[in-house]
Every structure is written in structure tokens, then in C-alpha cells.
């Protein structure tokens, strides 16, 4: 099963940084196991372009659509046996400690 994992900042990070796993180790372990299909860090929200079409006209807005304190800073696409495995992978990600990680399964089509 494929999952999109959004890696986000959070206003309440883990205060004990000694408990935070190393990102390079997380990437290597999940790449080697075949659970991480791809992933990357994203440019800051100030680099975003929001695209909408209204009345047949393309409307562009510089920056993010919504101003929030939490920001999506990266993503990973996971291939896991089930939600339990995806949760275990997400819980081991460093941003689960310093931010938050949101999992979304691919929709059935």
C-alpha cells in the first residue's frame, strides 16, 4: 500500500533532542528495505505559487494559500504492507519528534 507522508513543522517540538533519530539513518534504513519510494525537502512557503482557475481565468498567488504556523517542509512516498507499518516508519522519522508527520493512503480508484 502506498502512503504520502507529509513532513511538517510543529509549534510544540520534542524538547530532548538527544532522543531524535538521525535523518540519514532513517533514509538509509527505509531505502534499503524498499519502504521509501522517494522523498525530498521542499523550498520554503515563500517560494510557493498557488494556482486557481475561476471563470476560465488562471489566478496565481505568490506564497502559500493559507498562512499557518505549521509548514510542510518535505514529503516521502512510502510503500508499506499496511497502515501499522506506515505508522512505525513515520514514528521513526526525526520530524515526528521535532514536528509532525501526516500519513495519507493513496485513494482507491
PDB file of N, CA and C in Angstrom:
ATOM      1  N   UNK A   1       0.834  -1.166   0.000  1.00  0.00           N
ATOM      2  CA  UNK A   1       0.000   0.000   0.000  1.00  0.00           C
ATOM      3  C   UNK A   1       0.885   1.237   0.000  1.00  0.00           C
ATOM      4  N   UNK A   2       0.523   2.226  -0.824  1.00  0.00           N
ATOM      5  CA  UNK A   2       1.308   3.455  -0.884  1.00  0.00           C
ATOM      6  C   UNK A   2       0.697   4.526   0.004  1.00  0.00           C
ATOM      7  N   UNK A   3       1.590   5.287   0.646  1.00  0.00           N
ATOM      8  CA  UNK A   3       1.209   6.396   1.516  1.00  0.00           C
ATOM      9  C   UNK A   3       2.038   7.616   1.161  1.00  0.00           C
ATOM     10  N   UNK A   4       1.384   8.767   1.162  1.00  0.00           N
ATOM     11  CA  UNK A   4       2.102  10.037   1.085  1.00  0.00           C
ATOM     12  C   UNK A   4       2.338  10.447   2.530  1.00  0.00           C
ATOM     13  N   UNK A   5       3.582  10.758   2.841  1.00  0.00           N
ATOM     14  CA  UNK A   5       3.923  11.191   4.188  1.00  0.00           C
ATOM     15  C   UNK A   5       4.341  12.660   4.112  1.00  0.00           C
ATOM     16  N   UNK A   6       3.519  13.525   4.654  1.00  0.00           N
ATOM     17  CA  UNK A   6       3.839  14.946   4.710  1.00  0.00           C
ATOM     18  C   UNK A   6       4.671  15.186   5.969  1.00  0.00           C
ATOM     19  N   UNK A   7       5.801  15.838   5.799  1.00  0.00           N
ATOM     20  CA  UNK A   7       6.689  16.155   6.909  1.00  0.00           C
ATOM     21  C   UNK A   7       6.499  17.636   7.225  1.00  0.00           C
ATOM     22  N   UNK A   8       6.045  17.931   8.440  1.00  0.00           N
ATOM     23  CA  UNK A   8       5.640  19.300   8.786  1.00  0.00           C
ATOM     24  C   UNK A   8       6.337  19.791  10.046  1.00  0.00           C
ATOM     25  N   UNK A   9       6.440  21.104  10.155  1.00  0.00           N
ATOM     26  CA  UNK A   9       6.905  21.700  11.392  1.00  0.00           C
ATOM     27  C   UNK A   9       5.758  21.659  12.393  1.00  0.00           C
ATOM     28  N   UNK A  10       6.068  21.977  13.633  1.00  0.00           N
ATOM     29  CA  UNK A  10       5.057  21.976  14.686  1.00  0.00           C
ATOM     30  C   UNK A  10       5.444  23.029  15.709  1.00  0.00           C
ATOM     31  N   UNK A  11       4.471  23.578  16.368  1.00  0.00           N
ATOM     32  CA  UNK A  11       4.746  24.608  17.371  1.00  0.00           C
ATOM     33  C   UNK A  11       5.185  24.017  18.708  1.00  0.00           C
ATOM     34  N   UNK A  12       5.093  22.683  18.869  1.00  0.00           N
ATOM     35  CA  UNK A  12       5.466  22.035  20.123  1.00  0.00           C
ATOM     36  C   UNK A  12       6.423  20.874  19.873  1.00  0.00           C
ATOM     37  N   UNK A  13       7.691  21.172  19.517  1.00  0.00           N
ATOM     38  CA  UNK A  13       8.634  20.086  19.233  1.00  0.00           C
ATOM     39  C   UNK A  13       9.100  19.366  20.501  1.00  0.00           C
ATOM     40  N   UNK A  14       9.664  18.182  20.320  1.00  0.00           N
ATOM     41  CA  UNK A  14      10.291  17.425  21.406  1.00  0.00           C
ATOM     42  C   UNK A  14      11.397  18.292  22.003  1.00  0.00           C
ATOM     43  N   UNK A  15      11.450  18.392  23.309  1.00  0.00           N
ATOM     44  CA  UNK A  15      12.455  19.253  23.942  1.00  0.00           C
ATOM     45  C   UNK A  15      13.786  18.537  24.172  1.00  0.00           C
ATOM     46  N   UNK A  16      13.780  17.217  24.231  1.00  0.00           N
ATOM     47  CA  UNK A  16      15.010  16.446  24.443  1.00  0.00           C
ATOM     48  C   UNK A  16      15.541  15.989  23.090  1.00  0.00           C
ATOM     49  N   UNK A  17      16.444  16.777  22.515  1.00  0.00           N
ATOM     50  CA  UNK A  17      16.960  16.480  21.172  1.00  0.00           C
ATOM     51  C   UNK A  17      17.812  15.220  21.128  1.00  0.00           C
ATOM     52  N   UNK A  18      18.272  14.736  22.266  1.00  0.00           N
ATOM     53  CA  UNK A  18      19.077  13.515  22.277  1.00  0.00           C
ATOM     54  C   UNK A  18      18.252  12.297  21.873  1.00  0.00           C
ATOM     55  N   UNK A  19      16.944  12.401  21.941  1.00  0.00           N
ATOM     56  CA  UNK A  19      16.048  11.288  21.584  1.00  0.00           C
ATOM     57  C   UNK A  19      15.687  11.282  20.109  1.00  0.00           C
ATOM     58  N   UNK A  20      16.037  12.340  19.366  1.00  0.00           N
ATOM     59  CA  UNK A  20      15.641  12.479  17.961  1.00  0.00           C
ATOM     60  C   UNK A  20      16.557  11.629  17.080  1.00  0.00           C
ATOM     61  N   UNK A  21      15.977  10.742  16.253  1.00  0.00           N
ATOM     62  CA  UNK A  21      16.784   9.903  15.368  1.00  0.00           C
ATOM     63  C   UNK A  21      17.495  10.730  14.292  1.00  0.00           C
ATOM     64  N   UNK A  22      18.520  10.156  13.700  1.00  0.00           N
ATOM     65  CA  UNK A  22      19.276  10.789  12.627  1.00  0.00           C
ATOM     66  C   UNK A  22      18.543  10.578  11.298  1.00  0.00           C
ATOM     67  N   UNK A  23      18.337  11.659  10.542  1.00  0.00           N
ATOM     68  CA  UNK A  23      17.598  11.564   9.278  1.00  0.00           C
ATOM     69  C   UNK A  23      18.315  10.687   8.253  1.00  0.00           C
ATOM     70  N   UNK A  24      19.631  10.760   8.212  1.00  0.00           N
ATOM     71  CA  UNK A  24      20.386   9.942   7.243  1.00  0.00           C
ATOM     72  C   UNK A  24      20.197   8.452   7.515  1.00  0.00           C
ATOM     73  N   UNK A  25      20.165   8.083   8.780  1.00  0.00           N
ATOM     74  CA  UNK A  25      19.942   6.687   9.158  1.00  0.00           C
ATOM     75  C   UNK A  25      18.524   6.268   8.761  1.00  0.00           C
ATOM     76  N   UNK A  26      17.537   7.131   9.032  1.00  0.00           N
ATOM     77  CA  UNK A  26      16.150   6.829   8.681  1.00  0.00           C
ATOM     78  C   UNK A  26      16.012   6.606   7.170  1.00  0.00           C
ATOM     79  N   UNK A  27      16.600   7.500   6.381  1.00  0.00           N
ATOM     80  CA  UNK A  27      16.518   7.382   4.919  1.00  0.00           C
ATOM     81  C   UNK A  27      17.177   6.088   4.453  1.00  0.00           C
ATOM     82  N   UNK A  28      18.386   5.817   4.924  1.00  0.00           N
ATOM     83  CA  UNK A  28      19.121   4.614   4.521  1.00  0.00           C
ATOM     84  C   UNK A  28      18.355   3.340   4.866  1.00  0.00           C
ATOM     85  N   UNK A  29      17.842   3.265   6.092  1.00  0.00           N
ATOM     86  CA  UNK A  29      17.103   2.063   6.510  1.00  0.00           C
ATOM     87  C   UNK A  29      15.867   1.835   5.655  1.00  0.00           C
ATOM     88  N   UNK A  30      15.117   2.896   5.370  1.00  0.00           N
ATOM     89  CA  UNK A  30      13.870   2.735   4.621  1.00  0.00           C
ATOM     90  C   UNK A  30      14.098   2.586   3.126  1.00  0.00           C
ATOM     91  N   UNK A  31      15.154   3.188   2.594  1.00  0.00           N
ATOM     92  CA  UNK A  31      15.510   2.956   1.192  1.00  0.00           C
ATOM     93  C   UNK A  31      15.949   1.503   0.993  1.00  0.00           C
ATOM     94  N   UNK A  32      16.804   1.022   1.893  1.00  0.00           N
ATOM     95  CA  UNK A  32      17.312  -0.344   1.803  1.00  0.00           C
ATOM     96  C   UNK A  32      16.187  -1.366   1.917  1.00  0.00           C
ATOM     97  N   UNK A  33      15.223  -1.098   2.787  1.00  0.00           N
ATOM     98  CA  UNK A  33      14.102  -2.020   2.993  1.00  0.00           C
ATOM     99  C   UNK A  33      13.040  -1.902   1.895  1.00  0.00           C
ATOM    100  N   UNK A  34      13.172  -0.903   1.021  1.00  0.00           N
ATOM    101  CA  UNK A  34      12.194  -0.719  -0.055  1.00  0.00           C
ATOM    102  C   UNK A  34      10.908  -0.056   0.383  1.00  0.00           C
ATOM    103  N   UNK A  35      10.897   0.517   1.583  1.00  0.00           N
ATOM    104  CA  UNK A  35       9.682   1.168   2.074  1.00  0.00           C
ATOM    105  C   UNK A  35       9.571   2.617   1.606  1.00  0.00           C
ATOM    106  N   UNK A  36      10.696   3.251   1.305  1.00  0.00           N
ATOM    107  CA  UNK A  36      10.688   4.655   0.871  1.00  0.00           C
ATOM    108  C   UNK A  36      10.884   4.681  -0.635  1.00  0.00           C
ATOM    109  N   UNK A  37       9.836   5.092  -1.359  1.00  0.00           N
ATOM    110  CA  UNK A  37       9.884   5.147  -2.820  1.00  0.00           C
ATOM    111  C   UNK A  37      10.665   6.374  -3.269  1.00  0.00           C
ATOM    112  N   UNK A  38      10.365   7.518  -2.668  1.00  0.00           N
ATOM    113  CA  UNK A  38      11.067   8.769  -2.950  1.00  0.00           C
ATOM    114  C   UNK A  38      10.743   9.751  -1.842  1.00  0.00           C
ATOM    115  N   UNK A  39      11.449  10.841  -1.810  1.00  0.00           N
ATOM    116  CA  UNK A  39      11.187  11.886  -0.834  1.00  0.00           C
ATOM    117  C   UNK A  39      12.159  13.025  -1.028  1.00  0.00           C
ATOM    118  N   UNK A  40      11.810  14.182  -0.474  1.00  0.00           N
ATOM    119  CA  UNK A  40      12.686  15.334  -0.595  1.00  0.00           C
ATOM    120  C   UNK A  40      12.250  16.428   0.359  1.00  0.00           C
ATOM    121  N   UNK A  41      13.149  17.356   0.565  1.00  0.00           N
ATOM    122  CA  UNK A  41      12.866  18.565   1.325  1.00  0.00           C
ATOM    123  C   UNK A  41      12.253  19.562   0.352  1.00  0.00           C
ATOM    124  N   UNK A  42      11.321  20.378   0.828  1.00  0.00           N
ATOM    125  CA  UNK A  42      10.678  21.384  -0.017  1.00  0.00           C
ATOM    126  C   UNK A  42      11.251  22.772   0.256  1.00  0.00           C
ATOM    127  N   UNK A  43      11.186  23.640  -0.746  1.00  0.00           N
ATOM    128  CA  UNK A  43      11.568  25.038  -0.573  1.00  0.00           C
ATOM    129  C   UNK A  43      10.593  25.673   0.419  1.00  0.00           C
ATOM    130  N   UNK A  44      10.949  26.811   1.007  1.00  0.00           N
ATOM    131  CA  UNK A  44      10.066  27.440   1.992  1.00  0.00           C
ATOM    132  C   UNK A  44       8.755  27.918   1.378  1.00  0.00           C
ATOM    133  N   UNK A  45       7.736  28.130   2.217  1.00  0.00           N
ATOM    134  CA  UNK A  45       6.433  28.581   1.715  1.00  0.00           C
ATOM    135  C   UNK A  45       6.507  29.854   0.878  1.00  0.00           C
ATOM    136  N   UNK A  46       7.479  30.694   1.134  1.00  0.00           N
ATOM    137  CA  UNK A  46       7.612  31.929   0.353  1.00  0.00           C
ATOM    138  C   UNK A  46       7.893  31.650  -1.117  1.00  0.00           C
ATOM    139  N   UNK A  47       8.367  30.447  -1.440  1.00  0.00           N
ATOM    140  CA  UNK A  47       8.648  30.078  -2.831  1.00  0.00           C
ATOM    141  C   UNK A  47       7.439  29.447  -3.524  1.00  0.00           C
ATOM    142  N   UNK A  48       6.347  29.259  -2.789  1.00  0.00           N
ATOM    143  CA  UNK A  48       5.156  28.598  -3.339  1.00  0.00           C
ATOM    144  C   UNK A  48       4.414  29.503  -4.323  1.00  0.00           C
ATOM    145  N   UNK A  49       3.744  28.867  -5.241  1.00  0.00           N
ATOM    146  CA  UNK A  49       2.808  29.538  -6.143  1.00  0.00           C
ATOM    147  C   UNK A  49       1.489  28.782  -6.042  1.00  0.00           C
ATOM    148  N   UNK A  50       0.435  29.482  -5.693  1.00  0.00           N
ATOM    149  CA  UNK A  50      -0.890  28.884  -5.605  1.00  0.00           C
ATOM    150  C   UNK A  50      -1.620  29.149  -6.916  1.00  0.00           C
ATOM    151  N   UNK A  51      -2.184  28.105  -7.512  1.00  0.00           N
ATOM    152  CA  UNK A  51      -2.862  28.193  -8.803  1.00  0.00           C
ATOM    153  C   UNK A  51      -4.340  27.878  -8.613  1.00  0.00           C
ATOM    154  N   UNK A  52      -5.195  28.773  -9.114  1.00  0.00           N
ATOM    155  CA  UNK A  52      -6.644  28.560  -9.099  1.00  0.00           C
ATOM    156  C   UNK A  52      -7.180  28.967 -10.468  1.00  0.00           C
ATOM    157  N   UNK A  53      -8.282  28.355 -10.866  1.00  0.00           N
ATOM    158  CA  UNK A  53      -8.977  28.770 -12.084  1.00  0.00           C
ATOM    159  C   UNK A  53     -10.384  29.186 -11.679  1.00  0.00           C
ATOM    160  N   UNK A  54     -10.742  30.409 -12.011  1.00  0.00           N
ATOM    161  CA  UNK A  54     -12.071  30.947 -11.697  1.00  0.00           C
ATOM    162  C   UNK A  54     -12.596  31.670 -12.933  1.00  0.00           C
ATOM    163  N   UNK A  55     -13.787  31.285 -13.345  1.00  0.00           N
ATOM    164  CA  UNK A  55     -14.396  31.912 -14.513  1.00  0.00           C
ATOM    165  C   UNK A  55     -13.534  31.761 -15.761  1.00  0.00           C
ATOM    166  N   UNK A  56     -12.804  30.652 -15.868  1.00  0.00           N
ATOM    167  CA  UNK A  56     -11.954  30.407 -17.025  1.00  0.00           C
ATOM    168  C   UNK A  56     -10.617  31.130 -16.980  1.00  0.00           C
ATOM    169  N   UNK A  57     -10.368  31.895 -15.933  1.00  0.00           N
ATOM    170  CA  UNK A  57      -9.115  32.649 -15.816  1.00  0.00           C
ATOM    171  C   UNK A  57      -8.203  31.980 -14.792  1.00  0.00           C
ATOM    172  N   UNK A  58      -6.920  31.843 -15.159  1.00  0.00           N
ATOM    173  CA  UNK A  58      -5.927  31.291 -14.246  1.00  0.00           C
ATOM    174  C   UNK A  58      -5.462  32.403 -13.310  1.00  0.00           C
ATOM    175  N   UNK A  59      -5.632  32.159 -12.008  1.00  0.00           N
ATOM    176  CA  UNK A  59      -5.234  33.136 -10.996  1.00  0.00           C
ATOM    177  C   UNK A  59      -4.038  32.583 -10.221  1.00  0.00           C
ATOM    178  N   UNK A  60      -2.985  33.363 -10.117  1.00  0.00           N
ATOM    179  CA  UNK A  60      -1.781  32.944  -9.412  1.00  0.00           C
ATOM    180  C   UNK A  60      -1.570  33.815  -8.183  1.00  0.00           C
ATOM    181  N   UNK A  61      -1.151  33.179  -7.110  1.00  0.00           N
ATOM    182  CA  UNK A  61      -0.821  33.898  -5.887  1.00  0.00           C
ATOM    183  C   UNK A  61       0.565  33.448  -5.454  1.00  0.00           C
ATOM    184  N   UNK A  62       1.448  34.391  -5.200  1.00  0.00           N
ATOM    185  CA  UNK A  62       2.763  34.047  -4.670  1.00  0.00           C
ATOM    186  C   UNK A  62       2.616  33.666  -3.214  1.00  0.00           C
ATOM    187  N   UNK A  63       3.341  32.631  -2.812  1.00  0.00           N
ATOM    188  CA  UNK A  63       3.307  32.186  -1.426  1.00  0.00           C
ATOM    189  C   UNK A  63       2.220  31.152  -1.212  1.00  0.00           C
ATOM    190  N   UNK A  64       2.112  30.667   0.013  1.00  0.00           N
ATOM    191  CA  UNK A  64       1.139  29.609   0.304  1.00  0.00           C
ATOM    192  C   UNK A  64      -0.283  30.141   0.291  1.00  0.00           C
ATOM    193  N   UNK A  65      -1.235  29.245   0.064  1.00  0.00           N
ATOM    194  CA  UNK A  65      -2.650  29.622   0.051  1.00  0.00           C
ATOM    195  C   UNK A  65      -3.110  30.045   1.434  1.00  0.00           C
ATOM    196  N   UNK A  66      -2.670  29.319   2.453  1.00  0.00           N
ATOM    197  CA  UNK A  66      -3.094  29.623   3.829  1.00  0.00           C
ATOM    198  C   UNK A  66      -1.871  29.916   4.689  1.00  0.00           C
ATOM    199  N   UNK A  67      -1.972  30.936   5.488  1.00  0.00           N
ATOM    200  CA  UNK A  67      -0.912  31.255   6.445  1.00  0.00           C
ATOM    201  C   UNK A  67      -1.142  30.430   7.709  1.00  0.00           C
ATOM    202  N   UNK A  68      -0.180  29.591   8.043  1.00  0.00           N
ATOM    203  CA  UNK A  68      -0.280  28.796   9.259  1.00  0.00           C
ATOM    204  C   UNK A  68       1.077  28.777   9.949  1.00  0.00           C
ATOM    205  N   UNK A  69       1.085  28.404  11.202  1.00  0.00           N
ATOM    206  CA  UNK A  69       2.343  28.267  11.919  1.00  0.00           C
ATOM    207  C   UNK A  69       3.041  26.976  11.526  1.00  0.00           C
ATOM    208  N   UNK A  70       2.269  25.938  11.202  1.00  0.00           N
ATOM    209  CA  UNK A  70       2.831  24.678  10.756  1.00  0.00           C
ATOM    210  C   UNK A  70       3.053  24.747   9.249  1.00  0.00           C
ATOM    211  N   UNK A  71       4.184  24.226   8.794  1.00  0.00           N
ATOM    212  CA  UNK A  71       4.555  24.306   7.385  1.00  0.00           C
ATOM    213  C   UNK A  71       4.963  22.921   6.904  1.00  0.00           C
ATOM    214  N   UNK A  72       4.541  22.534   5.701  1.00  0.00           N
ATOM    215  CA  UNK A  72       5.030  21.294   5.084  1.00  0.00           C
ATOM    216  C   UNK A  72       6.445  21.569   4.595  1.00  0.00           C
ATOM    217  N   UNK A  73       7.418  20.853   5.138  1.00  0.00           N
ATOM    218  CA  UNK A  73       8.817  21.084   4.792  1.00  0.00           C
ATOM    219  C   UNK A  73       9.403  19.969   3.938  1.00  0.00           C
ATOM    220  N   UNK A  74       8.654  18.893   3.757  1.00  0.00           N
ATOM    221  CA  UNK A  74       9.146  17.793   2.943  1.00  0.00           C
ATOM    222  C   UNK A  74       8.076  16.735   2.779  1.00  0.00           C
ATOM    223  N   UNK A  75       8.435  15.702   2.038  1.00  0.00           N
ATOM    224  CA  UNK A  75       7.496  14.602   1.804  1.00  0.00           C
ATOM    225  C   UNK A  75       8.276  13.330   1.547  1.00  0.00           C
ATOM    226  N   UNK A  76       7.610  12.226   1.747  1.00  0.00           N
ATOM    227  CA  UNK A  76       8.121  10.913   1.370  1.00  0.00           C
ATOM    228  C   UNK A  76       6.946  10.101   0.870  1.00  0.00           C
ATOM    229  N   UNK A  77       7.192   9.284  -0.115  1.00  0.00           N
ATOM    230  CA  UNK A  77       6.191   8.325  -0.565  1.00  0.00           C
ATOM    231  C   UNK A  77       6.645   6.971  -0.056  1.00  0.00           C
ATOM    232  N   UNK A  78       5.780   6.336   0.700  1.00  0.00           N
ATOM    233  CA  UNK A  78       6.103   5.058   1.326  1.00  0.00           C
ATOM    234  C   UNK A  78       5.337   3.923   0.668  1.00  0.00           C
ATOM    235  N   UNK A  79       5.946   2.776   0.605  1.00  0.00           N
ATOM    236  CA  UNK A  79       5.299   1.537   0.173  1.00  0.00           C
ATOM    237  C   UNK A  79       5.361   0.605   1.364  1.00  0.00           C
ATOM    238  N   UNK A  80       4.225   0.400   2.019  1.00  0.00           N
ATOM    239  CA  UNK A  80       4.169  -0.404   3.241  1.00  0.00           C
ATOM    240  C   UNK A  80       3.090  -1.473   3.120  1.00  0.00           C
ATOM    241  N   UNK A  81       3.236  -2.503   3.908  1.00  0.00           N
ATOM    242  CA  UNK A  81       2.261  -3.599   3.885  1.00  0.00           C
ATOM    243  C   UNK A  81       0.887  -3.125   4.337  1.00  0.00           C
ATOM    244  N   UNK A  82       0.871  -2.209   5.316  1.00  0.00           N
ATOM    245  CA  UNK A  82      -0.406  -1.747   5.867  1.00  0.00           C
ATOM    246  C   UNK A  82      -0.175  -0.460   6.657  1.00  0.00           C
ATOM    247  N   UNK A  83      -1.247   0.068   7.228  1.00  0.00           N
ATOM    248  CA  UNK A  83      -1.155   1.313   7.994  1.00  0.00           C
ATOM    249  C   UNK A  83      -0.247   1.158   9.210  1.00  0.00           C
ATOM    250  N   UNK A  84      -0.266   0.006   9.865  1.00  0.00           N
ATOM    251  CA  UNK A  84       0.584  -0.194  11.036  1.00  0.00           C
ATOM    252  C   UNK A  84       2.059  -0.039  10.685  1.00  0.00           C
ATOM    253  N   UNK A  85       2.464  -0.597   9.557  1.00  0.00           N
ATOM    254  CA  UNK A  85       3.864  -0.460   9.137  1.00  0.00           C
ATOM    255  C   UNK A  85       4.167   0.997   8.790  1.00  0.00           C
ATOM    256  N   UNK A  86       3.255   1.674   8.107  1.00  0.00           N
ATOM    257  CA  UNK A  86       3.453   3.082   7.761  1.00  0.00           C
ATOM    258  C   UNK A  86       3.575   3.939   9.017  1.00  0.00           C
ATOM    259  N   UNK A  87       2.787   3.649  10.024  1.00  0.00           N
ATOM    260  CA  UNK A  87       2.868   4.386  11.291  1.00  0.00           C
ATOM    261  C   UNK A  87       4.224   4.159  11.951  1.00  0.00           C
ATOM    262  N   UNK A  88       4.712   2.934  11.936  1.00  0.00           N
ATOM    263  CA  UNK A  88       6.020   2.641  12.532  1.00  0.00           C
ATOM    264  C   UNK A  88       7.129   3.395  11.802  1.00  0.00           C
ATOM    265  N   UNK A  89       7.059   3.450  10.481  1.00  0.00           N
ATOM    266  CA  UNK A  89       8.052   4.188   9.689  1.00  0.00           C
ATOM    267  C   UNK A  89       7.971   5.673  10.006  1.00  0.00           C
ATOM    268  N   UNK A  90       6.759   6.211  10.054  1.00  0.00           N
ATOM    269  CA  UNK A  90       6.571   7.641  10.339  1.00  0.00           C
ATOM    270  C   UNK A  90       7.027   7.987  11.751  1.00  0.00           C
ATOM    271  N   UNK A  91       6.744   7.125  12.712  1.00  0.00           N
ATOM    272  CA  UNK A  91       7.122   7.388  14.103  1.00  0.00           C
ATOM    273  C   UNK A  91       8.631   7.393  14.299  1.00  0.00           C
ATOM    274  N   UNK A  92       9.364   6.736  13.410  1.00  0.00           N
ATOM    275  CA  UNK A  92      10.824   6.704  13.498  1.00  0.00           C
ATOM    276  C   UNK A  92      11.478   7.887  12.786  1.00  0.00           C
ATOM    277  N   UNK A  93      10.689   8.681  12.068  1.00  0.00           N
ATOM    278  CA  UNK A  93      11.230   9.843  11.337  1.00  0.00           C
ATOM    279  C   UNK A  93      11.574  10.952  12.339  1.00  0.00           C
ATOM    280  N   UNK A  94      12.706  11.624  12.168  1.00  0.00           N
ATOM    281  CA  UNK A  94      13.092  12.695  13.104  1.00  0.00           C
ATOM    282  C   UNK A  94      12.041  13.786  13.270  1.00  0.00           C
ATOM    283  N   UNK A  95      11.302  14.110  12.224  1.00  0.00           N
ATOM    284  CA  UNK A  95      10.305  15.173  12.346  1.00  0.00           C
ATOM    285  C   UNK A  95       9.083  14.744  13.132  1.00  0.00           C
ATOM    286  N   UNK A  96       8.931  13.454  13.413  1.00  0.00           N
ATOM    287  CA  UNK A  96       7.869  13.031  14.327  1.00  0.00           C
ATOM    288  C   UNK A  96       8.187  13.543  15.732  1.00  0.00           C
ATOM    289  N   UNK A  97       9.458  13.827  15.984  1.00  0.00           N
ATOM    290  CA  UNK A  97       9.903  14.375  17.270  1.00  0.00           C
ATOM    291  C   UNK A  97       9.919  15.899  17.251  1.00  0.00           C
ATOM    292  N   UNK A  98      10.446  16.478  16.179  1.00  0.00           N
ATOM    293  CA  UNK A  98      10.601  17.929  16.119  1.00  0.00           C
ATOM    294  C   UNK A  98       9.462  18.639  15.424  1.00  0.00           C
ATOM    295  N   UNK A  99       8.602  17.893  14.789  1.00  0.00           N
ATOM    296  CA  UNK A  99       7.480  18.469  14.061  1.00  0.00           C
ATOM    297  C   UNK A  99       6.299  17.536  14.120  1.00  0.00           C
ATOM    298  N   UNK A 100       5.751  17.247  12.958  1.00  0.00           N
ATOM    299  CA  UNK A 100       4.673  16.269  12.864  1.00  0.00           C
ATOM    300  C   UNK A 100       4.738  15.617  11.500  1.00  0.00           C
ATOM    301  N   UNK A 101       4.221  14.418  11.426  1.00  0.00           N
ATOM    302  CA  UNK A 101       4.216  13.658  10.185  1.00  0.00           C
ATOM    303  C   UNK A 101       2.783  13.213   9.928  1.00  0.00           C
ATOM    304  N   UNK A 102       2.279  13.535   8.750  1.00  0.00           N
ATOM    305  CA  UNK A 102       0.912  13.152   8.386  1.00  0.00           C
ATOM    306  C   UNK A 102       0.970  12.081   7.310  1.00  0.00           C
ATOM    307  N   UNK A 103       0.259  11.001   7.526  1.00  0.00           N
ATOM    308  CA  UNK A 103       0.184   9.904   6.556  1.00  0.00           C
ATOM    309  C   UNK A 103      -1.162   9.949   5.845  1.00  0.00           C
ATOM    310  N   UNK A 104      -1.121   9.793   4.531  1.00  0.00           N
ATOM    311  CA  UNK A 104      -2.366   9.659   3.764  1.00  0.00           C
ATOM    312  C   UNK A 104      -2.205   8.514   2.785  1.00  0.00           C
ATOM    313  N   UNK A 105      -3.107   7.526   2.857  1.00  0.00           N
ATOM    314  CA  UNK A 105      -3.034   6.439   1.886  1.00  0.00           C
ATOM    315  C   UNK A 105      -3.466   6.942   0.508  1.00  0.00           C
ATOM    316  N   UNK A 106      -2.900   6.326  -0.502  1.00  0.00           N
ATOM    317  CA  UNK A 106      -3.365   6.614  -1.850  1.00  0.00           C
ATOM    318  C   UNK A 106      -4.830   6.184  -1.943  1.00  0.00           C
ATOM    319  N   UNK A 107      -5.642   6.953  -2.606  1.00  0.00           N
ATOM    320  CA  UNK A 107      -7.063   6.633  -2.757  1.00  0.00           C
ATOM    321  C   UNK A 107      -7.236   5.473  -3.717  1.00  0.00           C
ATOM    322  N   UNK A 108      -8.213   4.626  -3.427  1.00  0.00           N
ATOM    323  CA  UNK A 108      -8.560   3.547  -4.348  1.00  0.00           C
ATOM    324  C   UNK A 108      -9.269   4.144  -5.540  1.00  0.00           C
ATOM    325  N   UNK A 109      -8.871   3.748  -6.718  1.00  0.00           N
ATOM    326  CA  UNK A 109      -9.518   4.265  -7.937  1.00  0.00           C
ATOM    327  C   UNK A 109      -9.943   3.145  -8.809  1.00  0.00           C
TER     328      UNK A 109
END
